[in-house]
Amino acid sequence: MMDEKKYDFSELTIEDGLKRLSEISGEMEEEDCTLERSFSLYEEGTALIKYVNSRVEDVEAKVSMITGDGAEVPFTEG
């Protein structure tokens, strides 16, 4: 079982988390990435996904509070 406490993402923005996930994916796809390194990257990526999902859920909850009644409001860019 992995020890998620060894990763401290508390200062990471959602965007930075997604960027790091992309870097992890790219590194794992490299031909010279060892199996041991792949496991380490997988562990970090899994913990990071949980963190980013948690941050996104926090943002969604704040948006719901701002709407007043908690009704889901579609988010549109622009």
PDB file of N, CA and C in Angstrom:
ATOM      1  N   MET A   1       0.841  -1.180   0.000  1.00  0.00           N
ATOM      2  CA  MET A   1       0.000   0.000   0.000  1.00  0.00           C
ATOM      3  C   MET A   1       0.881   1.236   0.000  1.00  0.00           C
ATOM      4  N   MET A   2       0.508   2.224  -0.811  1.00  0.00           N
ATOM      5  CA  MET A   2       1.363   3.392  -0.900  1.00  0.00           C
ATOM      6  C   MET A   2       1.116   4.373   0.234  1.00  0.00           C
ATOM      7  N   ASP A   3       2.156   5.087   0.575  1.00  0.00           N
ATOM      8  CA  ASP A   3       2.100   6.062   1.652  1.00  0.00           C
ATOM      9  C   ASP A   3       1.905   7.446   1.050  1.00  0.00           C
ATOM     10  N   GLU A   4       0.640   7.873   0.937  1.00  0.00           N
ATOM     11  CA  GLU A   4       0.333   9.155   0.310  1.00  0.00           C
ATOM     12  C   GLU A   4       0.849  10.327   1.122  1.00  0.00           C
ATOM     13  N   LYS A   5       1.147  10.118   2.398  1.00  0.00           N
ATOM     14  CA  LYS A   5       1.608  11.204   3.240  1.00  0.00           C
ATOM     15  C   LYS A   5       2.999  11.681   2.861  1.00  0.00           C
ATOM     16  N   LYS A   6       3.732  10.899   2.087  1.00  0.00           N
ATOM     17  CA  LYS A   6       5.069  11.331   1.713  1.00  0.00           C
ATOM     18  C   LYS A   6       5.041  12.405   0.629  1.00  0.00           C
ATOM     19  N   TYR A   7       3.897  12.660   0.057  1.00  0.00           N
ATOM     20  CA  TYR A   7       3.752  13.705  -0.951  1.00  0.00           C
ATOM     21  C   TYR A   7       3.037  14.898  -0.329  1.00  0.00           C
ATOM     22  N   ASP A   8       3.621  16.072  -0.482  1.00  0.00           N
ATOM     23  CA  ASP A   8       2.992  17.289   0.011  1.00  0.00           C
ATOM     24  C   ASP A   8       2.666  18.173  -1.184  1.00  0.00           C
ATOM     25  N   PHE A   9       1.417  18.137  -1.586  1.00  0.00           N
ATOM     26  CA  PHE A   9       0.969  18.926  -2.724  1.00  0.00           C
ATOM     27  C   PHE A   9       0.253  20.200  -2.280  1.00  0.00           C
ATOM     28  N   SER A  10       0.285  20.514  -0.999  1.00  0.00           N
ATOM     29  CA  SER A  10      -0.539  21.591  -0.445  1.00  0.00           C
ATOM     30  C   SER A  10      -0.307  22.958  -1.094  1.00  0.00           C
ATOM     31  N   GLU A  11       0.852  23.196  -1.645  1.00  0.00           N
ATOM     32  CA  GLU A  11       1.139  24.483  -2.284  1.00  0.00           C
ATOM     33  C   GLU A  11       0.897  24.452  -3.790  1.00  0.00           C
ATOM     34  N   LEU A  12       0.446  23.312  -4.296  1.00  0.00           N
ATOM     35  CA  LEU A  12       0.280  23.112  -5.726  1.00  0.00           C
ATOM     36  C   LEU A  12      -1.093  23.594  -6.190  1.00  0.00           C
ATOM     37  N   THR A  13      -1.123  24.379  -7.262  1.00  0.00           N
ATOM     38  CA  THR A  13      -2.400  24.778  -7.852  1.00  0.00           C
ATOM     39  C   THR A  13      -2.946  23.619  -8.689  1.00  0.00           C
ATOM     40  N   ILE A  14      -4.204  23.703  -9.042  1.00  0.00           N
ATOM     41  CA  ILE A  14      -4.799  22.690  -9.908  1.00  0.00           C
ATOM     42  C   ILE A  14      -4.033  22.621 -11.226  1.00  0.00           C
ATOM     43  N   GLU A  15      -3.729  23.776 -11.784  1.00  0.00           N
ATOM     44  CA  GLU A  15      -3.023  23.820 -13.064  1.00  0.00           C
ATOM     45  C   GLU A  15      -1.640  23.192 -12.960  1.00  0.00           C
ATOM     46  N   ASP A  16      -0.927  23.496 -11.872  1.00  0.00           N
ATOM     47  CA  ASP A  16       0.401  22.918 -11.684  1.00  0.00           C
ATOM     48  C   ASP A  16       0.312  21.400 -11.481  1.00  0.00           C
ATOM     49  N   GLY A  17      -0.736  20.968 -10.800  1.00  0.00           N
ATOM     50  CA  GLY A  17      -0.945  19.535 -10.613  1.00  0.00           C
ATOM     51  C   GLY A  17      -1.169  18.824 -11.933  1.00  0.00           C
ATOM     52  N   LEU A  18      -1.980  19.425 -12.790  1.00  0.00           N
ATOM     53  CA  LEU A  18      -2.234  18.834 -14.105  1.00  0.00           C
ATOM     54  C   LEU A  18      -0.971  18.835 -14.955  1.00  0.00           C
ATOM     55  N   LYS A  19      -0.176  19.894 -14.837  1.00  0.00           N
ATOM     56  CA  LYS A  19       1.092  19.950 -15.573  1.00  0.00           C
ATOM     57  C   LYS A  19       2.027  18.830 -15.099  1.00  0.00           C
ATOM     58  N   ARG A  20       2.099  18.636 -13.792  1.00  0.00           N
ATOM     59  CA  ARG A  20       2.969  17.576 -13.260  1.00  0.00           C
ATOM     60  C   ARG A  20       2.478  16.207 -13.706  1.00  0.00           C
ATOM     61  N   LEU A  21       1.152  16.002 -13.734  1.00  0.00           N
ATOM     62  CA  LEU A  21       0.612  14.727 -14.213  1.00  0.00           C
ATOM     63  C   LEU A  21       1.023  14.468 -15.661  1.00  0.00           C
ATOM     64  N   SER A  22       1.031  15.513 -16.465  1.00  0.00           N
ATOM     65  CA  SER A  22       1.462  15.379 -17.852  1.00  0.00           C
ATOM     66  C   SER A  22       2.943  15.012 -17.916  1.00  0.00           C
ATOM     67  N   GLU A  23       3.740  15.631 -17.061  1.00  0.00           N
ATOM     68  CA  GLU A  23       5.171  15.310 -17.016  1.00  0.00           C
ATOM     69  C   GLU A  23       5.384  13.854 -16.592  1.00  0.00           C
ATOM     70  N   ILE A  24       4.637  13.407 -15.603  1.00  0.00           N
ATOM     71  CA  ILE A  24       4.740  12.030 -15.128  1.00  0.00           C
ATOM     72  C   ILE A  24       4.404  11.061 -16.259  1.00  0.00           C
ATOM     73  N   SER A  25       3.318  11.352 -16.954  1.00  0.00           N
ATOM     74  CA  SER A  25       2.903  10.498 -18.071  1.00  0.00           C
ATOM     75  C   SER A  25       3.991  10.433 -19.131  1.00  0.00           C
ATOM     76  N   GLY A  26       4.553  11.576 -19.469  1.00  0.00           N
ATOM     77  CA  GLY A  26       5.607  11.623 -20.478  1.00  0.00           C
ATOM     78  C   GLY A  26       6.833  10.845 -20.053  1.00  0.00           C
ATOM     79  N   GLU A  27       7.213  10.994 -18.788  1.00  0.00           N
ATOM     80  CA  GLU A  27       8.390  10.284 -18.300  1.00  0.00           C
ATOM     81  C   GLU A  27       8.161   8.775 -18.299  1.00  0.00           C
ATOM     82  N   MET A  28       6.949   8.345 -17.961  1.00  0.00           N
ATOM     83  CA  MET A  28       6.655   6.913 -17.943  1.00  0.00           C
ATOM     84  C   MET A  28       6.678   6.316 -19.351  1.00  0.00           C
ATOM     85  N   GLU A  29       6.389   7.131 -20.352  1.00  0.00           N
ATOM     86  CA  GLU A  29       6.378   6.653 -21.728  1.00  0.00           C
ATOM     87  C   GLU A  29       7.769   6.563 -22.338  1.00  0.00           C
ATOM     88  N   GLU A  30       8.754   7.160 -21.679  1.00  0.00           N
ATOM     89  CA  GLU A  30      10.115   7.112 -22.215  1.00  0.00           C
ATOM     90  C   GLU A  30      10.651   5.685 -22.188  1.00  0.00           C
ATOM     91  N   GLU A  31      11.349   5.338 -23.230  1.00  0.00           N
ATOM     92  CA  GLU A  31      11.860   3.980 -23.386  1.00  0.00           C
ATOM     93  C   GLU A  31      12.838   3.590 -22.284  1.00  0.00           C
ATOM     94  N   ASP A  32      13.591   4.550 -21.778  1.00  0.00           N
ATOM     95  CA  ASP A  32      14.604   4.234 -20.776  1.00  0.00           C
ATOM     96  C   ASP A  32      14.110   4.341 -19.330  1.00  0.00           C
ATOM     97  N   CYS A  33      12.800   4.504 -19.147  1.00  0.00           N
ATOM     98  CA  CYS A  33      12.221   4.577 -17.796  1.00  0.00           C
ATOM     99  C   CYS A  33      12.200   3.159 -17.205  1.00  0.00           C
ATOM    100  N   THR A  34      12.896   3.006 -16.101  1.00  0.00           N
ATOM    101  CA  THR A  34      12.978   1.682 -15.482  1.00  0.00           C
ATOM    102  C   THR A  34      11.654   1.306 -14.826  1.00  0.00           C
ATOM    103  N   LEU A  35      11.511   0.037 -14.566  1.00  0.00           N
ATOM    104  CA  LEU A  35      10.306  -0.449 -13.907  1.00  0.00           C
ATOM    105  C   LEU A  35      10.163   0.165 -12.523  1.00  0.00           C
ATOM    106  N   GLU A  36      11.265   0.247 -11.804  1.00  0.00           N
ATOM    107  CA  GLU A  36      11.244   0.836 -10.469  1.00  0.00           C
ATOM    108  C   GLU A  36      10.831   2.304 -10.528  1.00  0.00           C
ATOM    109  N   ARG A  37      11.374   3.044 -11.485  1.00  0.00           N
ATOM    110  CA  ARG A  37      11.002   4.450 -11.644  1.00  0.00           C
ATOM    111  C   ARG A  37       9.532   4.557 -12.041  1.00  0.00           C
ATOM    112  N   SER A  38       9.063   3.670 -12.895  1.00  0.00           N
ATOM    113  CA  SER A  38       7.650   3.669 -13.299  1.00  0.00           C
ATOM    114  C   SER A  38       6.733   3.495 -12.101  1.00  0.00           C
ATOM    115  N   PHE A  39       7.091   2.578 -11.196  1.00  0.00           N
ATOM    116  CA  PHE A  39       6.279   2.383  -9.995  1.00  0.00           C
ATOM    117  C   PHE A  39       6.256   3.636  -9.135  1.00  0.00           C
ATOM    118  N   SER A  40       7.402   4.266  -9.002  1.00  0.00           N
ATOM    119  CA  SER A  40       7.497   5.489  -8.210  1.00  0.00           C
ATOM    120  C   SER A  40       6.646   6.605  -8.818  1.00  0.00           C
ATOM    121  N   LEU A  41       6.727   6.750 -10.140  1.00  0.00           N
ATOM    122  CA  LEU A  41       5.931   7.759 -10.836  1.00  0.00           C
ATOM    123  C   LEU A  41       4.443   7.452 -10.744  1.00  0.00           C
ATOM    124  N   TYR A  42       4.100   6.179 -10.860  1.00  0.00           N
ATOM    125  CA  TYR A  42       2.701   5.763 -10.739  1.00  0.00           C
ATOM    126  C   TYR A  42       2.161   6.125  -9.360  1.00  0.00           C
ATOM    127  N   GLU A  43       2.951   5.866  -8.344  1.00  0.00           N
ATOM    128  CA  GLU A  43       2.547   6.175  -6.977  1.00  0.00           C
ATOM    129  C   GLU A  43       2.325   7.682  -6.806  1.00  0.00           C
ATOM    130  N   GLU A  44       3.267   8.481  -7.300  1.00  0.00           N
ATOM    131  CA  GLU A  44       3.121   9.937  -7.211  1.00  0.00           C
ATOM    132  C   GLU A  44       1.901  10.399  -7.999  1.00  0.00           C
ATOM    133  N   GLY A  45       1.732   9.871  -9.194  1.00  0.00           N
ATOM    134  CA  GLY A  45       0.607  10.264 -10.038  1.00  0.00           C
ATOM    135  C   GLY A  45      -0.736   9.934  -9.413  1.00  0.00           C
ATOM    136  N   THR A  46      -0.844   8.772  -8.815  1.00  0.00           N
ATOM    137  CA  THR A  46      -2.096   8.372  -8.160  1.00  0.00           C
ATOM    138  C   THR A  46      -2.426   9.312  -7.001  1.00  0.00           C
ATOM    139  N   ALA A  47      -1.431   9.628  -6.198  1.00  0.00           N
ATOM    140  CA  ALA A  47      -1.644  10.559  -5.084  1.00  0.00           C
ATOM    141  C   ALA A  47      -1.995  11.949  -5.612  1.00  0.00           C
ATOM    142  N   LEU A  48      -1.350  12.357  -6.685  1.00  0.00           N
ATOM    143  CA  LEU A  48      -1.604  13.670  -7.269  1.00  0.00           C
ATOM    144  C   LEU A  48      -3.004  13.757  -7.859  1.00  0.00           C
ATOM    145  N   ILE A  49      -3.467  12.696  -8.495  1.00  0.00           N
ATOM    146  CA  ILE A  49      -4.831  12.680  -9.038  1.00  0.00           C
ATOM    147  C   ILE A  49      -5.846  12.868  -7.914  1.00  0.00           C
ATOM    148  N   LYS A  50      -5.648  12.186  -6.807  1.00  0.00           N
ATOM    149  CA  LYS A  50      -6.559  12.335  -5.668  1.00  0.00           C
ATOM    150  C   LYS A  50      -6.558  13.770  -5.152  1.00  0.00           C
ATOM    151  N   TYR A  51      -5.367  14.365  -5.085  1.00  0.00           N
ATOM    152  CA  TYR A  51      -5.257  15.738  -4.613  1.00  0.00           C
ATOM    153  C   TYR A  51      -5.960  16.708  -5.566  1.00  0.00           C
ATOM    154  N   VAL A  52      -5.694  16.579  -6.869  1.00  0.00           N
ATOM    155  CA  VAL A  52      -6.305  17.482  -7.850  1.00  0.00           C
ATOM    156  C   VAL A  52      -7.826  17.325  -7.838  1.00  0.00           C
ATOM    157  N   ASN A  53      -8.313  16.091  -7.776  1.00  0.00           N
ATOM    158  CA  ASN A  53      -9.765  15.871  -7.715  1.00  0.00           C
ATOM    159  C   ASN A  53     -10.371  16.541  -6.486  1.00  0.00           C
ATOM    160  N   SER A  54      -9.676  16.455  -5.371  1.00  0.00           N
ATOM    161  CA  SER A  54     -10.135  17.088  -4.139  1.00  0.00           C
ATOM    162  C   SER A  54     -10.212  18.602  -4.304  1.00  0.00           C
ATOM    163  N   ARG A  55      -9.197  19.186  -4.929  1.00  0.00           N
ATOM    164  CA  ARG A  55      -9.183  20.643  -5.155  1.00  0.00           C
ATOM    165  C   ARG A  55     -10.324  21.054  -6.088  1.00  0.00           C
ATOM    166  N   VAL A  56     -10.570  20.273  -7.139  1.00  0.00           N
ATOM    167  CA  VAL A  56     -11.658  20.576  -8.068  1.00  0.00           C
ATOM    168  C   VAL A  56     -13.003  20.502  -7.338  1.00  0.00           C
ATOM    169  N   GLU A  57     -13.185  19.498  -6.496  1.00  0.00           N
ATOM    170  CA  GLU A  57     -14.422  19.379  -5.724  1.00  0.00           C
ATOM    171  C   GLU A  57     -14.599  20.567  -4.799  1.00  0.00           C
ATOM    172  N   ASP A  58     -13.513  21.072  -4.212  1.00  0.00           N
ATOM    173  CA  ASP A  58     -13.585  22.265  -3.364  1.00  0.00           C
ATOM    174  C   ASP A  58     -14.059  23.472  -4.159  1.00  0.00           C
ATOM    175  N   VAL A  59     -13.527  23.633  -5.362  1.00  0.00           N
ATOM    176  CA  VAL A  59     -13.926  24.751  -6.213  1.00  0.00           C
ATOM    177  C   VAL A  59     -15.399  24.624  -6.592  1.00  0.00           C
ATOM    178  N   GLU A  60     -15.815  23.414  -6.949  1.00  0.00           N
ATOM    179  CA  GLU A  60     -17.227  23.203  -7.298  1.00  0.00           C
ATOM    180  C   GLU A  60     -18.142  23.538  -6.129  1.00  0.00           C
ATOM    181  N   ALA A  61     -17.745  23.191  -4.926  1.00  0.00           N
ATOM    182  CA  ALA A  61     -18.548  23.491  -3.742  1.00  0.00           C
ATOM    183  C   ALA A  61     -18.645  25.000  -3.527  1.00  0.00           C
ATOM    184  N   LYS A  62     -17.555  25.718  -3.751  1.00  0.00           N
ATOM    185  CA  LYS A  62     -17.574  27.175  -3.603  1.00  0.00           C
ATOM    186  C   LYS A  62     -18.479  27.822  -4.636  1.00  0.00           C
ATOM    187  N   VAL A  63     -18.439  27.321  -5.871  1.00  0.00           N
ATOM    188  CA  VAL A  63     -19.297  27.857  -6.923  1.00  0.00           C
ATOM    189  C   VAL A  63     -20.764  27.620  -6.564  1.00  0.00           C
ATOM    190  N   SER A  64     -21.082  26.452  -6.020  1.00  0.00           N
ATOM    191  CA  SER A  64     -22.452  26.153  -5.611  1.00  0.00           C
ATOM    192  C   SER A  64     -22.906  27.102  -4.508  1.00  0.00           C
ATOM    193  N   MET A  65     -22.008  27.415  -3.589  1.00  0.00           N
ATOM    194  CA  MET A  65     -22.366  28.344  -2.509  1.00  0.00           C
ATOM    195  C   MET A  65     -22.620  29.735  -3.068  1.00  0.00           C
ATOM    196  N   ILE A  66     -21.854  30.134  -4.048  1.00  0.00           N
ATOM    197  CA  ILE A  66     -22.006  31.469  -4.632  1.00  0.00           C
ATOM    198  C   ILE A  66     -23.346  31.599  -5.336  1.00  0.00           C
ATOM    199  N   THR A  67     -23.848  30.516  -5.928  1.00  0.00           N
ATOM    200  CA  THR A  67     -25.128  30.594  -6.631  1.00  0.00           C
ATOM    201  C   THR A  67     -26.278  30.797  -5.663  1.00  0.00           C
ATOM    202  N   GLY A  68     -26.031  30.585  -4.378  1.00  0.00           N
ATOM    203  CA  GLY A  68     -27.046  30.876  -3.371  1.00  0.00           C
ATOM    204  C   GLY A  68     -27.895  29.692  -2.993  1.00  0.00           C
ATOM    205  N   ASP A  69     -28.492  29.040  -3.938  1.00  0.00           N
ATOM    206  CA  ASP A  69     -29.396  27.944  -3.616  1.00  0.00           C
ATOM    207  C   ASP A  69     -28.736  26.579  -3.787  1.00  0.00           C
ATOM    208  N   GLY A  70     -27.471  26.576  -4.181  1.00  0.00           N
ATOM    209  CA  GLY A  70     -26.769  25.302  -4.330  1.00  0.00           C
ATOM    210  C   GLY A  70     -27.117  24.559  -5.616  1.00  0.00           C
ATOM    211  N   ALA A  71     -27.980  25.161  -6.430  1.00  0.00           N
ATOM    212  CA  ALA A  71     -28.341  24.503  -7.686  1.00  0.00           C
ATOM    213  C   ALA A  71     -27.141  24.503  -8.612  1.00  0.00           C
ATOM    214  N   GLU A  72     -27.022  23.460  -9.365  1.00  0.00           N
ATOM    215  CA  GLU A  72     -25.908  23.391 -10.299  1.00  0.00           C
ATOM    216  C   GLU A  72     -26.146  24.357 -11.445  1.00  0.00           C
ATOM    217  N   VAL A  73     -25.128  25.149 -11.690  1.00  0.00           N
ATOM    218  CA  VAL A  73     -25.178  26.128 -12.772  1.00  0.00           C
ATOM    219  C   VAL A  73     -24.079  25.774 -13.753  1.00  0.00           C
ATOM    220  N   PRO A  74     -24.413  25.652 -15.035  1.00  0.00           N
ATOM    221  CA  PRO A  74     -23.379  25.309 -16.001  1.00  0.00           C
ATOM    222  C   PRO A  74     -22.300  26.382 -16.041  1.00  0.00           C
ATOM    223  N   PHE A  75     -21.060  25.946 -16.099  1.00  0.00           N
ATOM    224  CA  PHE A  75     -19.938  26.862 -16.175  1.00  0.00           C
ATOM    225  C   PHE A  75     -19.621  27.106 -17.635  1.00  0.00           C
ATOM    226  N   THR A  76     -19.572  28.373 -18.024  1.00  0.00           N
ATOM    227  CA  THR A  76     -19.199  28.703 -19.394  1.00  0.00           C
ATOM    228  C   THR A  76     -18.001  29.634 -19.357  1.00  0.00           C
ATOM    229  N   GLU A  77     -17.126  29.444 -20.292  1.00  0.00           N
ATOM    230  CA  GLU A  77     -15.950  30.307 -20.394  1.00  0.00           C
ATOM    231  C   GLU A  77     -16.348  31.590 -21.079  1.00  0.00           C
ATOM    232  N   GLY A  78     -15.639  32.653 -20.710  1.00  0.00           N
ATOM    233  CA  GLY A  78     -15.864  33.880 -21.430  1.00  0.00           C
ATOM    234  C   GLY A  78     -16.233  34.946 -20.606  1.00  0.00           C
TER     235      GLY A  78
END
